Every structure is written in C-alpha cells, then in structure tokens.
Amino acid sequence: MRLVKTGPYIPGEEKLEIIQKWEADIPAYAILSHAWSPNPDDEVLLADVLNGTSRQKPGFSKLWRAIERARLDGYRWLWDDTCCIDKTSSVEL
C-alpha cells in the first residue's frame, strides 16, 4: 500500500513524499474520497508525485487540502486513489 506523507512540508516547496508499506507495517491513515475531475489529466498521479511535478497539476489543490485536513486530524499519512495507485499497472487497477 502506498501512502502520502502529510508533512511537515516547507511552504511553497511542497514536494510530496510517498511511502510503501505492507500488512502489519501499515500505519493509521486518512482517506481522500472525492470526485475525479472531468479531465483525468488534471489529477495528481503517482508518476507526478515521483517525478516532482504534482504541484503543476490542477488537482494538486484538492489533494493538498486533504493533506492539511488529515494533518489537523492527527494523521501522518493519507491514501488517495489518484496518486497511491499506479494506473499503469493492470494488477493495481
């Protein structure tokens, strides 16, 4: 399972961090439930996080608000289907 770190991040330089954990090592996490943009290219995908281009995507603000909410609620990790699932992998889909 992949999870997005909720912080701390340097304001204006948010380069998201993703970890991968298995079974007993999976920490408590928040989940972002949302409607996808009509244009799927707007969403932050795993590749965007890994290559550091997530801030350029229109969907970054939605993801960032979820990260901030999760952090305020005491969660260090967030799961979001747009960037925690590798859409290029038929196994993960």
Protein backbone atom coordinates (compact mmCIF):
# COMPACT_ATOMS: atom_id res chain seq x y z
CA MET A 1 0.00 0.00 0.00
CA ARG A 2 1.27 3.47 -0.87
CA LEU A 3 0.57 6.45 1.39
CA VAL A 4 1.25 10.18 1.06
CA LYS A 5 3.08 11.84 3.94
CA THR A 6 1.07 14.69 5.46
CA GLY A 7 4.07 16.77 6.45
CA PRO A 8 5.77 18.73 7.60
CA TYR A 9 6.43 20.45 4.29
CA ILE A 10 8.18 23.73 3.53
CA PRO A 11 5.51 26.23 2.39
CA GLY A 12 5.71 26.85 -1.34
CA GLU A 13 8.09 23.93 -1.86
CA GLU A 14 5.70 21.04 -1.26
CA LYS A 15 7.27 18.02 -2.94
CA LEU A 16 5.03 15.18 -1.87
CA GLU A 17 6.52 12.08 -0.32
CA ILE A 18 5.07 8.59 -0.79
CA ILE A 19 5.92 5.51 1.24
CA GLN A 20 5.05 1.91 0.56
CA LYS A 21 4.08 -0.33 3.50
CA TRP A 22 2.79 -3.88 3.79
CA GLU A 23 0.42 -5.62 6.21
CA ALA A 24 1.41 -5.06 9.87
CA ASP A 25 3.65 -2.11 8.93
CA ILE A 26 0.76 -0.03 7.56
CA PRO A 27 0.28 2.99 9.86
CA ALA A 28 -3.02 4.73 10.63
CA TYR A 29 -4.04 6.89 7.67
CA ALA A 30 -6.78 9.19 6.38
CA ILE A 31 -8.55 8.55 3.08
CA LEU A 32 -9.45 11.16 0.47
CA SER A 33 -12.84 10.36 -1.03
CA HIS A 34 -13.53 12.67 -3.94
CA ALA A 35 -14.98 13.11 -7.40
CA TRP A 36 -12.44 12.94 -10.20
CA SER A 37 -12.09 15.95 -12.45
CA PRO A 38 -13.89 15.66 -15.80
CA ASN A 39 -10.41 15.84 -17.30
CA PRO A 40 -8.44 12.91 -15.80
CA ASP A 41 -5.17 14.65 -16.75
CA ASP A 42 -5.93 17.25 -14.05
CA GLU A 43 -5.48 14.73 -11.23
CA VAL A 44 -2.18 14.17 -9.41
CA LEU A 45 -0.98 10.70 -10.39
CA LEU A 46 1.71 8.53 -8.82
CA ALA A 47 4.12 9.45 -11.62
CA ASP A 48 3.59 13.17 -10.86
CA VAL A 49 4.50 12.64 -7.21
CA LEU A 50 7.53 10.51 -8.05
CA ASN A 51 8.92 12.97 -10.61
CA GLY A 52 8.16 16.08 -8.52
CA THR A 53 5.61 17.67 -10.85
CA SER A 54 2.49 17.26 -8.70
CA ARG A 55 2.26 20.99 -7.87
CA GLN A 56 1.73 21.81 -11.56
CA LYS A 57 -1.45 19.71 -11.78
CA PRO A 58 -4.86 21.41 -11.31
CA GLY A 59 -5.84 18.63 -8.86
CA PHE A 60 -2.97 19.46 -6.51
CA SER A 61 -5.04 21.95 -4.51
CA LYS A 62 -7.69 19.29 -3.78
CA LEU A 63 -5.02 16.83 -2.69
CA TRP A 64 -3.20 19.48 -0.65
CA ARG A 65 -6.40 20.43 1.23
CA ALA A 66 -6.89 16.75 2.10
CA ILE A 67 -3.28 16.53 3.32
CA GLU A 68 -3.79 19.60 5.52
CA ARG A 69 -7.09 18.21 6.90
CA ALA A 70 -5.51 14.83 7.64
CA ARG A 71 -2.63 16.54 9.44
CA LEU A 72 -5.06 18.67 11.51
CA ASP A 73 -6.93 15.49 12.43
CA GLY A 74 -3.69 13.91 13.67
CA TYR A 75 -2.88 11.64 10.71
CA ARG A 76 0.68 11.47 9.41
CA TRP A 77 -0.41 9.59 6.25
CA LEU A 78 -3.11 9.90 3.59
CA TRP A 79 -4.38 7.46 0.98
CA ASP A 80 -5.73 8.89 -2.28
CA ASP A 81 -6.62 6.70 -5.25
CA THR A 82 -5.29 9.18 -7.81
CA CYS A 83 -1.69 9.07 -6.57
CA CYS A 84 -1.44 5.97 -4.37
CA ILE A 85 -2.38 3.51 -7.12
CA ASP A 86 -0.14 3.00 -10.14
CA LYS A 87 -2.61 3.48 -13.01
CA THR A 88 -0.10 1.94 -15.45
CA SER A 89 -0.33 -1.39 -13.62
CA SER A 90 -3.27 -3.63 -14.56
CA VAL A 91 -2.60 -5.58 -11.36
CA GLU A 92 -3.11 -2.49 -9.18
CA LEU A 93 -6.18 -1.32 -11.09
